[in-house]
């Protein structure tokens, strides 16, 4: 299950930070995570690229409205690290 990032972390982290600030991504640790392979039609909420059948895909429900959010594995990890960092500052 390939997990390498689709973009360098130096590009992904600012995207995560901006999307959290814009409200497009929640600051939350999800209670339930689904993982598997992409199918090519789901788009990652961090990098805006399709998640192909060869790539790991993580899906959570947005705790604000139960909307599913999909991520490449590496994008998900960067988002969760930023959520943890922001939560620790509260």
C-alpha atoms as a PDB file:
ATOM      1  CA  UNK A   1       0.000   0.000   0.000  1.00  0.00           C
ATOM      2  CA  UNK A   2       2.024   3.011  -1.197  1.00  0.00           C
ATOM      3  CA  UNK A   3       2.071   5.819   1.333  1.00  0.00           C
ATOM      4  CA  UNK A   4       4.541   8.277  -0.130  1.00  0.00           C
ATOM      5  CA  UNK A   5       3.308  11.869  -0.292  1.00  0.00           C
ATOM      6  CA  UNK A   6       1.982  13.205  -3.568  1.00  0.00           C
ATOM      7  CA  UNK A   7       3.614  16.593  -2.818  1.00  0.00           C
ATOM      8  CA  UNK A   8       6.477  17.598  -0.538  1.00  0.00           C
ATOM      9  CA  UNK A   9       5.496  18.226   3.072  1.00  0.00           C
ATOM     10  CA  UNK A  10       6.663  21.818   2.609  1.00  0.00           C
ATOM     11  CA  UNK A  11       3.667  22.245   0.256  1.00  0.00           C
ATOM     12  CA  UNK A  12       1.184  20.120   2.186  1.00  0.00           C
ATOM     13  CA  UNK A  13       1.559  21.657   5.642  1.00  0.00           C
ATOM     14  CA  UNK A  14       0.673  25.219   4.518  1.00  0.00           C
ATOM     15  CA  UNK A  15      -2.359  23.788   2.681  1.00  0.00           C
ATOM     16  CA  UNK A  16      -3.497  22.005   5.834  1.00  0.00           C
ATOM     17  CA  UNK A  17      -3.016  25.145   7.922  1.00  0.00           C
ATOM     18  CA  UNK A  18      -4.921  27.303   5.438  1.00  0.00           C
ATOM     19  CA  UNK A  19      -7.797  24.819   5.137  1.00  0.00           C
ATOM     20  CA  UNK A  20      -8.127  24.595   8.908  1.00  0.00           C
ATOM     21  CA  UNK A  21      -8.157  28.412   9.097  1.00  0.00           C
ATOM     22  CA  UNK A  22     -10.744  28.589   6.282  1.00  0.00           C
ATOM     23  CA  UNK A  23     -12.924  25.980   7.994  1.00  0.00           C
ATOM     24  CA  UNK A  24     -12.552  23.478   5.156  1.00  0.00           C
ATOM     25  CA  UNK A  25     -10.866  20.995   7.514  1.00  0.00           C
ATOM     26  CA  UNK A  26     -11.828  20.428  11.131  1.00  0.00           C
ATOM     27  CA  UNK A  27      -9.429  20.467  14.045  1.00  0.00           C
ATOM     28  CA  UNK A  28     -10.460  17.109  15.451  1.00  0.00           C
ATOM     29  CA  UNK A  29      -9.186  13.660  16.141  1.00  0.00           C
ATOM     30  CA  UNK A  30     -11.648  11.377  14.373  1.00  0.00           C
ATOM     31  CA  UNK A  31     -13.324   8.634  16.359  1.00  0.00           C
ATOM     32  CA  UNK A  32     -13.682   6.334  13.364  1.00  0.00           C
ATOM     33  CA  UNK A  33     -11.327   5.980  10.414  1.00  0.00           C
ATOM     34  CA  UNK A  34     -11.819   3.833   7.347  1.00  0.00           C
ATOM     35  CA  UNK A  35      -8.769   2.887   5.349  1.00  0.00           C
ATOM     36  CA  UNK A  36      -8.211   1.063   2.106  1.00  0.00           C
ATOM     37  CA  UNK A  37      -7.238   1.703  -1.459  1.00  0.00           C
ATOM     38  CA  UNK A  38      -8.555   4.593  -3.489  1.00  0.00           C
ATOM     39  CA  UNK A  39     -10.650   4.066  -6.603  1.00  0.00           C
ATOM     40  CA  UNK A  40      -9.586   7.122  -8.565  1.00  0.00           C
ATOM     41  CA  UNK A  41     -12.774   9.133  -8.024  1.00  0.00           C
ATOM     42  CA  UNK A  42     -12.202  10.361  -4.470  1.00  0.00           C
ATOM     43  CA  UNK A  43     -10.198  13.556  -4.087  1.00  0.00           C
ATOM     44  CA  UNK A  44      -7.865  14.241  -1.192  1.00  0.00           C
ATOM     45  CA  UNK A  45      -8.979  17.167   0.974  1.00  0.00           C
ATOM     46  CA  UNK A  46      -5.407  18.349   1.429  1.00  0.00           C
ATOM     47  CA  UNK A  47      -3.712  18.120  -1.968  1.00  0.00           C
ATOM     48  CA  UNK A  48      -6.828  18.131  -4.233  1.00  0.00           C
ATOM     49  CA  UNK A  49      -5.543  15.131  -6.199  1.00  0.00           C
ATOM     50  CA  UNK A  50      -7.420  11.933  -6.975  1.00  0.00           C
ATOM     51  CA  UNK A  51      -6.630   8.930  -4.796  1.00  0.00           C
ATOM     52  CA  UNK A  52      -5.768   6.157  -7.229  1.00  0.00           C
ATOM     53  CA  UNK A  53      -6.300   2.432  -6.814  1.00  0.00           C
ATOM     54  CA  UNK A  54      -2.600   2.047  -6.003  1.00  0.00           C
ATOM     55  CA  UNK A  55      -2.705   4.569  -3.153  1.00  0.00           C
ATOM     56  CA  UNK A  56      -3.797   4.265   0.463  1.00  0.00           C
ATOM     57  CA  UNK A  57      -6.935   6.246   1.256  1.00  0.00           C
ATOM     58  CA  UNK A  58      -8.180   7.303   4.671  1.00  0.00           C
ATOM     59  CA  UNK A  59     -11.779   8.416   5.142  1.00  0.00           C
ATOM     60  CA  UNK A  60     -13.366  10.018   8.173  1.00  0.00           C
ATOM     61  CA  UNK A  61     -16.665  11.743   8.827  1.00  0.00           C
ATOM     62  CA  UNK A  62     -16.336  15.451   9.455  1.00  0.00           C
ATOM     63  CA  UNK A  63     -17.513  15.816  13.081  1.00  0.00           C
ATOM     64  CA  UNK A  64     -19.137  19.139  12.208  1.00  0.00           C
ATOM     65  CA  UNK A  65     -21.610  17.697   9.684  1.00  0.00           C
ATOM     66  CA  UNK A  66     -20.871  13.992   9.058  1.00  0.00           C
ATOM     67  CA  UNK A  67     -19.587  14.759   5.576  1.00  0.00           C
ATOM     68  CA  UNK A  68     -16.982  12.189   4.527  1.00  0.00           C
ATOM     69  CA  UNK A  69     -13.463  13.545   4.178  1.00  0.00           C
ATOM     70  CA  UNK A  70     -10.931  11.578   2.157  1.00  0.00           C
ATOM     71  CA  UNK A  71      -7.147  11.808   2.338  1.00  0.00           C
ATOM     72  CA  UNK A  72      -4.036  10.212   0.966  1.00  0.00           C
ATOM     73  CA  UNK A  73      -2.286   8.521   3.881  1.00  0.00           C
ATOM     74  CA  UNK A  74       0.575  11.044   3.970  1.00  0.00           C
ATOM     75  CA  UNK A  75      -1.845  13.989   3.747  1.00  0.00           C
ATOM     76  CA  UNK A  76      -3.910  12.514   6.581  1.00  0.00           C
ATOM     77  CA  UNK A  77      -0.811  12.188   8.794  1.00  0.00           C
ATOM     78  CA  UNK A  78       0.170  15.823   8.191  1.00  0.00           C
ATOM     79  CA  UNK A  79      -3.378  16.986   8.983  1.00  0.00           C
ATOM     80  CA  UNK A  80      -3.481  14.939  12.202  1.00  0.00           C
ATOM     81  CA  UNK A  81      -0.096  16.271  13.321  1.00  0.00           C
ATOM     82  CA  UNK A  82      -1.360  19.812  12.822  1.00  0.00           C
ATOM     83  CA  UNK A  83      -4.587  19.025  14.722  1.00  0.00           C
ATOM     84  CA  UNK A  84      -2.536  17.641  17.621  1.00  0.00           C
ATOM     85  CA  UNK A  85      -0.289  20.714  17.610  1.00  0.00           C
ATOM     86  CA  UNK A  86      -3.263  23.093  17.646  1.00  0.00           C
ATOM     87  CA  UNK A  87      -5.088  21.089  20.326  1.00  0.00           C
ATOM     88  CA  UNK A  88      -2.054  21.151  22.596  1.00  0.00           C
ATOM     89  CA  UNK A  89      -2.016  24.955  22.451  1.00  0.00           C
ATOM     90  CA  UNK A  90      -5.558  25.268  23.837  1.00  0.00           C
END
